[in-house]
Amino acid sequence: MNKLNIASTGYPGTTESWKFLNTMIQEIAEAVAGQVTDDSTPVIIYGMNASGSNVSNGFFVWKGELFRFVGGQQQNYVVIIEEVENATYNTDLTNSGQLADFPTYYSRYARFGGANEGVARFLFSEMKRIKGLLKMSQSVDDASETNKGIIELASQTEVNAGVDHSKAVTPKTLDNRVASESRSGIIQIATNQETLEGINDSKAITPAKLAGLGFARIIGKRTQTVQVAEIDTTTGQVHKIMSGSSILTGFSFPSNNYIVLASFNEPTNGALRTNSFSVYNKQTDRFGFHWQIEFDQDPVSDSYMDIDIIVVSLV
């Protein structure tokens, strides 16, 4: 910040001195004005408090300029007053023997007034008030899921506990929240070697890694409905269907090491005694199967049976 050092005696007051003072004061006022408002909104920065129908003295910023406000009875308009006082300069421009007067002292302030008064004006209702820095820091609400505001960072202990819902988690504390058997969190995926060794108890095994260990996995399943008895509509006699064959498609078989499992459900009418299931003509995406049954309790009408079929890879 600029400053002017004036000695108690003998200070050489010159035009340059007054220019320096004017510039220094103007820069301060412009800096304050530029921080609190745009060019269109008048903002109260001090005073101008209403008491009944009167408004006290104060200061406000408008269009990049800091104004002193002279209080009084409230009216619709705030008007800008500019008063100019001349001074006699030590110069004779016309060589008439008379020193010249020039506009020298410009006083600009604001007060209440009419719609046609002053060099500029705006409605008092347009003014906004800025709070002091201390009040602003004290009046900001805490942040929440619906409001912006102040929020505190959670400690690592609080992040690990996973209970506090009023503090923020940073990337570092999140990364340090390691998953365990008792706590959710960040976990690293085990390598193939670590999966095969079976020693590391702090990393996760993916389905692909698990399959690499040689565990069985289901590669397809179907439920096939077959008819096992039909009634002759002419004679009313029930004909039992003791065996049959079907083709199932839509599978993706490995080259080897697989099994096909079948589960027979009871017919809709009747009961099973024995059953058998066999696979034939296996291809890359399909296979045929043959089934055969014997009845423990003969059906008395049309009857159907569901066969649940699962194809399991062993690698």
Protein backbone atom coordinates (compact mmCIF):
# COMPACT_ATOMS: atom_id res chain seq x y z
CA MET A 1 0.00 0.00 0.00
CA ASN A 2 1.28 3.48 -0.87
CA LYS A 3 1.86 6.05 1.86
CA LEU A 4 2.97 9.70 2.06
CA ASN A 5 5.56 10.82 4.63
CA ILE A 6 4.96 14.45 5.69
CA ALA A 7 7.54 16.13 7.95
CA SER A 8 6.32 18.50 10.67
CA THR A 9 8.02 21.50 9.07
CA GLY A 10 9.12 22.44 5.61
CA TYR A 11 7.09 19.86 3.64
CA PRO A 12 7.20 20.87 -0.05
CA GLY A 13 3.46 20.71 -0.90
CA THR A 14 3.28 20.48 -4.69
CA THR A 15 0.79 19.44 -7.35
CA GLU A 16 2.51 16.05 -7.46
CA SER A 17 1.84 15.59 -3.73
CA TRP A 18 -1.90 16.16 -4.10
CA LYS A 19 -1.99 13.86 -7.13
CA PHE A 20 -0.25 11.16 -5.09
CA LEU A 21 -2.80 11.49 -2.26
CA ASN A 22 -5.75 11.45 -4.65
CA THR A 23 -4.50 8.33 -6.45
CA MET A 24 -3.79 6.50 -3.16
CA ILE A 25 -7.28 7.16 -1.78
CA GLN A 26 -8.96 6.30 -5.08
CA GLU A 27 -7.13 2.96 -5.37
CA ILE A 28 -8.26 1.95 -1.88
CA ALA A 29 -11.87 2.86 -2.63
CA GLU A 30 -11.82 0.99 -5.96
CA ALA A 31 -10.31 -2.11 -4.36
CA VAL A 32 -13.06 -2.20 -1.73
CA ALA A 33 -15.75 -1.57 -4.31
CA GLY A 34 -14.49 -4.26 -6.65
CA GLN A 35 -14.66 -6.97 -3.99
CA VAL A 36 -18.27 -6.57 -2.90
CA THR A 37 -20.46 -5.97 -5.94
CA ASP A 38 -20.89 -6.01 -9.68
CA ASP A 39 -21.62 -2.83 -11.68
CA SER A 40 -25.39 -2.92 -11.30
CA THR A 41 -26.24 -3.87 -7.71
CA PRO A 42 -25.85 -1.27 -4.93
CA VAL A 43 -24.44 -3.01 -1.84
CA ILE A 44 -24.49 -1.64 1.71
CA ILE A 45 -21.18 -2.30 3.46
CA TYR A 46 -21.74 -0.31 6.65
CA GLY A 47 -24.61 1.42 8.46
CA MET A 48 -27.80 2.48 6.68
CA ASN A 49 -29.88 0.77 9.37
CA ALA A 50 -33.62 1.42 9.41
CA SER A 51 -35.31 2.64 12.58
CA GLY A 52 -38.95 3.30 12.02
CA SER A 53 -39.19 5.50 8.94
CA ASN A 54 -35.60 6.77 9.22
CA VAL A 55 -32.36 5.27 7.87
CA SER A 56 -29.01 5.99 9.52
CA ASN A 57 -25.77 7.19 7.93
CA GLY A 58 -23.56 4.62 6.24
CA PHE A 59 -21.54 3.59 3.20
CA PHE A 60 -22.40 1.61 0.07
CA VAL A 61 -20.78 0.61 -3.22
CA TRP A 62 -22.38 1.15 -6.61
CA LYS A 63 -20.88 0.89 -10.10
CA GLY A 64 -17.36 0.52 -8.72
CA GLU A 65 -17.56 3.62 -6.52
CA LEU A 66 -17.68 3.95 -2.74
CA PHE A 67 -20.33 6.41 -1.53
CA ARG A 68 -21.02 8.03 1.83
CA PHE A 69 -24.72 7.96 2.61
CA VAL A 70 -26.33 10.79 4.59
CA GLY A 71 -29.24 9.30 6.49
CA GLY A 72 -32.75 10.67 6.79
CA GLN A 73 -36.40 9.82 6.32
CA GLN A 74 -36.78 6.85 3.98
CA GLN A 75 -37.94 7.55 0.44
CA ASN A 76 -38.21 5.44 -2.71
CA TYR A 77 -35.03 6.71 -4.37
CA VAL A 78 -31.39 6.98 -3.32
CA VAL A 79 -29.87 9.86 -5.28
CA ILE A 80 -26.24 10.68 -5.97
CA ILE A 81 -25.37 14.30 -5.20
CA GLU A 82 -22.31 15.92 -6.72
CA GLU A 83 -21.24 19.31 -5.34
CA VAL A 84 -18.36 21.19 -6.98
CA GLU A 85 -16.45 24.08 -5.37
CA ASN A 86 -14.09 26.31 -7.35
CA ALA A 87 -10.69 27.50 -6.15
CA THR A 88 -8.46 30.33 -7.38
CA TYR A 89 -5.31 29.02 -9.02
CA ASN A 90 -2.03 30.92 -9.20
CA THR A 91 -2.32 31.41 -12.95
CA ASP A 92 -3.56 34.12 -15.28
CA LEU A 93 -4.67 32.40 -18.46
CA THR A 94 -5.88 35.59 -20.19
CA ASN A 95 -3.11 37.94 -19.04
CA SER A 96 -5.81 40.19 -17.58
CA GLY A 97 -4.18 40.51 -14.21
CA GLN A 98 -6.88 38.29 -12.67
CA LEU A 99 -6.11 34.80 -11.31
CA ALA A 100 -8.31 32.06 -12.78
CA ASP A 101 -10.91 29.97 -10.90
CA PHE A 102 -11.22 26.27 -11.66
CA PRO A 103 -13.52 23.46 -10.38
CA THR A 104 -11.43 21.90 -7.62
CA TYR A 105 -13.34 20.23 -4.81
CA TYR A 106 -15.76 17.49 -5.94
CA SER A 107 -17.97 16.14 -3.17
CA ARG A 108 -20.05 13.06 -4.10
CA TYR A 109 -22.37 11.48 -1.60
CA ALA A 110 -25.84 9.91 -1.50
CA ARG A 111 -29.11 10.63 0.25
CA PHE A 112 -32.80 10.01 -0.22
CA GLY A 113 -34.46 12.13 -2.88
CA GLY A 114 -36.94 12.36 -5.70
CA ALA A 115 -37.05 10.61 -9.08
CA ASN A 116 -35.50 13.62 -10.83
CA GLU A 117 -32.87 14.65 -8.29
CA GLY A 118 -29.12 14.16 -8.35
CA VAL A 119 -26.76 13.14 -11.12
CA ALA A 120 -27.85 9.47 -10.82
CA ARG A 121 -30.34 7.46 -8.77
CA PHE A 122 -31.72 3.98 -8.05
CA LEU A 123 -34.52 2.48 -5.99
CA PHE A 124 -33.72 1.93 -2.31
CA SER A 125 -35.44 -1.49 -2.58
CA GLU A 126 -32.66 -2.62 -4.98
CA MET A 127 -29.95 -2.35 -2.32
CA LYS A 128 -28.34 -5.47 -0.87
CA ARG A 129 -26.49 -5.71 2.41
CA ILE A 130 -23.12 -7.42 2.87
CA LYS A 131 -22.36 -8.88 6.29
CA GLY A 132 -19.13 -8.29 8.13
CA LEU A 133 -16.45 -10.96 7.73
CA LEU A 134 -16.94 -12.30 11.26
CA LYS A 135 -20.70 -12.46 10.87
CA MET A 136 -20.34 -14.17 7.50
CA SER A 137 -18.12 -16.90 8.94
CA GLN A 138 -20.52 -17.42 11.83
CA SER A 139 -23.66 -17.48 9.70
CA VAL A 140 -22.63 -20.07 7.09
CA ASP A 141 -24.61 -23.26 7.60
CA ASP A 142 -23.05 -26.67 7.94
CA ALA A 143 -22.98 -28.66 4.71
CA SER A 144 -25.53 -31.42 4.21
CA GLU A 145 -26.85 -33.61 1.42
CA THR A 146 -29.15 -30.76 0.36
CA ASN A 147 -27.21 -27.59 1.36
CA LYS A 148 -23.79 -26.17 0.55
CA GLY A 149 -21.83 -25.02 3.59
CA ILE A 150 -18.91 -25.65 5.92
CA ILE A 151 -17.76 -29.22 6.45
CA GLU A 152 -14.99 -30.79 8.52
CA LEU A 153 -12.68 -33.55 7.26
CA ALA A 154 -13.10 -36.93 8.91
CA SER A 155 -10.12 -38.56 10.62
CA GLN A 156 -8.94 -42.02 9.60
CA THR A 157 -10.52 -43.48 12.73
CA GLU A 158 -13.86 -41.88 11.85
CA VAL A 159 -13.64 -43.13 8.27
CA ASN A 160 -12.89 -46.64 9.44
CA ALA A 161 -15.76 -46.53 11.93
CA GLY A 162 -18.17 -45.57 9.14
CA VAL A 163 -20.66 -43.93 11.52
CA ASP A 164 -20.22 -40.13 11.32
CA HIS A 165 -22.43 -38.67 8.56
CA SER A 166 -21.42 -35.01 9.03
CA LYS A 167 -17.75 -35.04 7.92
CA ALA A 168 -16.04 -35.38 4.55
CA VAL A 169 -13.88 -38.30 3.40
CA THR A 170 -10.72 -37.46 1.45
CA PRO A 171 -9.16 -39.71 -1.21
CA LYS A 172 -6.35 -40.59 1.24
CA THR A 173 -8.59 -41.65 4.13
CA LEU A 174 -10.83 -43.54 1.70
CA ASP A 175 -7.82 -45.40 0.28
CA ASN A 176 -6.69 -46.27 3.82
CA ARG A 177 -10.06 -47.79 4.71
CA VAL A 178 -9.03 -51.37 4.00
CA ALA A 179 -11.73 -54.02 3.78
CA SER A 180 -11.75 -56.83 6.32
CA GLU A 181 -14.11 -59.58 7.48
CA SER A 182 -15.80 -57.08 9.80
CA ARG A 183 -15.61 -53.89 7.70
CA SER A 184 -16.37 -52.86 4.13
CA GLY A 185 -13.70 -50.88 2.32
CA ILE A 186 -11.02 -50.83 -0.37
CA ILE A 187 -9.62 -54.21 -1.35
CA GLN A 188 -7.03 -55.24 -3.95
CA ILE A 189 -7.51 -58.14 -6.39
CA ALA A 190 -5.20 -61.09 -5.90
CA THR A 191 -2.85 -62.19 -8.67
CA ASN A 192 -3.01 -65.67 -10.21
CA GLN A 193 0.03 -66.70 -8.18
CA GLU A 194 -1.47 -65.44 -4.91
CA THR A 195 -4.71 -67.23 -5.72
CA LEU A 196 -2.88 -70.51 -6.36
CA GLU A 197 -0.76 -70.18 -3.20
CA GLY A 198 -3.86 -69.69 -1.05
CA ILE A 199 -1.97 -67.78 1.70
CA ASN A 200 -2.86 -64.08 1.31
CA ASP A 201 -5.97 -63.25 3.37
CA SER A 202 -6.25 -59.54 2.46
CA LYS A 203 -6.99 -59.62 -1.30
CA ALA A 204 -10.07 -60.57 -3.33
CA ILE A 205 -10.43 -63.49 -5.77
CA THR A 206 -12.42 -62.79 -8.95
CA PRO A 207 -14.62 -65.39 -10.71
CA ALA A 208 -11.92 -65.80 -13.38
CA LYS A 209 -9.25 -66.48 -10.74
CA LEU A 210 -11.56 -68.91 -8.94
CA ALA A 211 -12.21 -70.81 -12.16
CA GLY A 212 -8.46 -71.06 -12.66
CA LEU A 213 -8.19 -73.08 -9.45
CA GLY A 214 -10.10 -75.94 -11.08
CA PHE A 215 -13.42 -75.51 -9.31
CA ALA A 216 -16.59 -76.56 -11.07
CA ARG A 217 -18.75 -73.87 -12.65
CA ILE A 218 -22.17 -74.02 -14.28
CA ILE A 219 -22.06 -73.28 -18.01
CA GLY A 220 -25.75 -73.82 -18.74
CA LYS A 221 -29.02 -75.12 -17.37
CA ARG A 222 -32.46 -75.93 -18.78
CA THR A 223 -35.78 -77.33 -17.66
CA GLN A 224 -37.27 -79.65 -20.25
CA THR A 225 -40.93 -80.70 -20.02
CA VAL A 226 -41.75 -84.11 -21.52
CA GLN A 227 -45.03 -86.00 -21.83
CA VAL A 228 -45.06 -89.36 -20.04
CA ALA A 229 -48.70 -90.42 -20.54
CA GLU A 230 -51.57 -89.58 -22.86
CA ILE A 231 -55.23 -90.59 -22.85
CA ASP A 232 -56.96 -91.99 -25.91
CA THR A 233 -59.97 -89.73 -26.39
CA THR A 234 -61.86 -92.53 -28.18
CA THR A 235 -61.35 -95.42 -25.77
CA GLY A 236 -60.43 -93.48 -22.63
CA GLN A 237 -57.42 -95.76 -22.21
CA VAL A 238 -54.18 -94.26 -20.81
CA HIS A 239 -51.03 -94.95 -22.82
CA LYS A 240 -47.78 -94.63 -20.85
CA ILE A 241 -44.77 -93.06 -22.61
CA MET A 242 -41.79 -94.79 -21.02
CA SER A 243 -38.93 -93.06 -22.87
CA GLY A 244 -38.03 -90.20 -25.20
CA SER A 245 -35.27 -88.04 -26.69
CA SER A 246 -34.66 -84.29 -27.12
CA ILE A 247 -32.00 -81.88 -28.42
CA LEU A 248 -30.86 -78.92 -26.25
CA THR A 249 -29.04 -75.94 -27.84
CA GLY A 250 -27.50 -72.66 -26.71
CA PHE A 251 -24.58 -74.05 -24.68
CA SER A 252 -20.86 -73.27 -24.88
CA PHE A 253 -19.03 -76.45 -23.99
CA PRO A 254 -15.37 -76.72 -23.03
CA SER A 255 -13.36 -79.23 -25.01
CA ASN A 256 -13.40 -81.72 -22.12
CA ASN A 257 -13.89 -82.09 -18.37
CA TYR A 258 -17.60 -81.47 -18.04
CA ILE A 259 -20.59 -83.35 -16.70
CA VAL A 260 -24.33 -83.21 -17.42
CA LEU A 261 -26.63 -83.62 -14.42
CA ALA A 262 -30.35 -84.33 -14.60
CA SER A 263 -33.06 -84.22 -11.96
CA PHE A 264 -36.48 -85.84 -12.61
CA ASN A 265 -39.59 -84.32 -11.06
CA GLU A 266 -42.72 -86.36 -10.34
CA PRO A 267 -45.22 -86.54 -13.22
CA THR A 268 -48.40 -84.51 -12.91
CA ASN A 269 -50.40 -87.73 -12.52
CA GLY A 270 -48.62 -90.78 -11.16
CA ALA A 271 -45.34 -91.51 -9.40
CA LEU A 272 -41.87 -92.65 -10.52
CA ARG A 273 -40.16 -95.86 -9.57
CA THR A 274 -36.88 -95.60 -11.53
CA ASN A 275 -35.38 -93.29 -14.16
CA SER A 276 -32.30 -93.03 -16.32
CA PHE A 277 -30.67 -90.26 -18.39
CA SER A 278 -27.99 -90.42 -21.08
CA VAL A 279 -26.29 -87.89 -23.40
CA TYR A 280 -25.44 -88.43 -27.04
CA ASN A 281 -24.11 -86.47 -30.04
CA LYS A 282 -22.45 -83.72 -28.01
CA GLN A 283 -21.32 -80.70 -30.08
CA THR A 284 -19.83 -77.30 -29.17
CA ASP A 285 -23.20 -75.69 -28.50
CA ARG A 286 -25.72 -78.54 -28.20
CA PHE A 287 -26.30 -82.13 -27.21
CA GLY A 288 -29.00 -84.75 -27.37
CA PHE A 289 -30.31 -86.65 -24.36
CA HIS A 290 -32.38 -89.78 -23.87
CA TRP A 291 -34.59 -90.47 -20.86
CA GLN A 292 -36.34 -93.59 -19.63
CA ILE A 293 -38.66 -94.14 -16.68
CA GLU A 294 -40.79 -96.75 -14.91
CA PHE A 295 -43.93 -95.92 -13.01
CA ASP A 296 -44.52 -96.81 -9.41
CA GLN A 297 -48.04 -95.40 -9.65
CA ASP A 298 -49.59 -95.43 -13.10
CA PRO A 299 -51.08 -92.17 -14.38
CA VAL A 300 -54.85 -91.97 -14.88
CA SER A 301 -54.88 -89.19 -17.52
CA ASP A 302 -52.52 -87.05 -19.62
CA SER A 303 -49.30 -86.55 -17.61
CA TYR A 304 -46.12 -84.46 -17.98
CA MET A 305 -42.76 -84.44 -16.23
CA ASP A 306 -40.05 -81.74 -15.83
CA ILE A 307 -36.40 -82.72 -16.20
CA ASP A 308 -33.95 -80.16 -14.75
CA ILE A 309 -30.64 -80.36 -16.67
CA ILE A 310 -27.40 -78.66 -15.58
CA VAL A 311 -24.10 -78.67 -17.51
CA VAL A 312 -21.05 -78.18 -15.23
CA SER A 313 -17.48 -77.47 -16.34
CA LEU A 314 -14.76 -78.96 -14.16
CA VAL A 315 -12.01 -76.48 -15.14
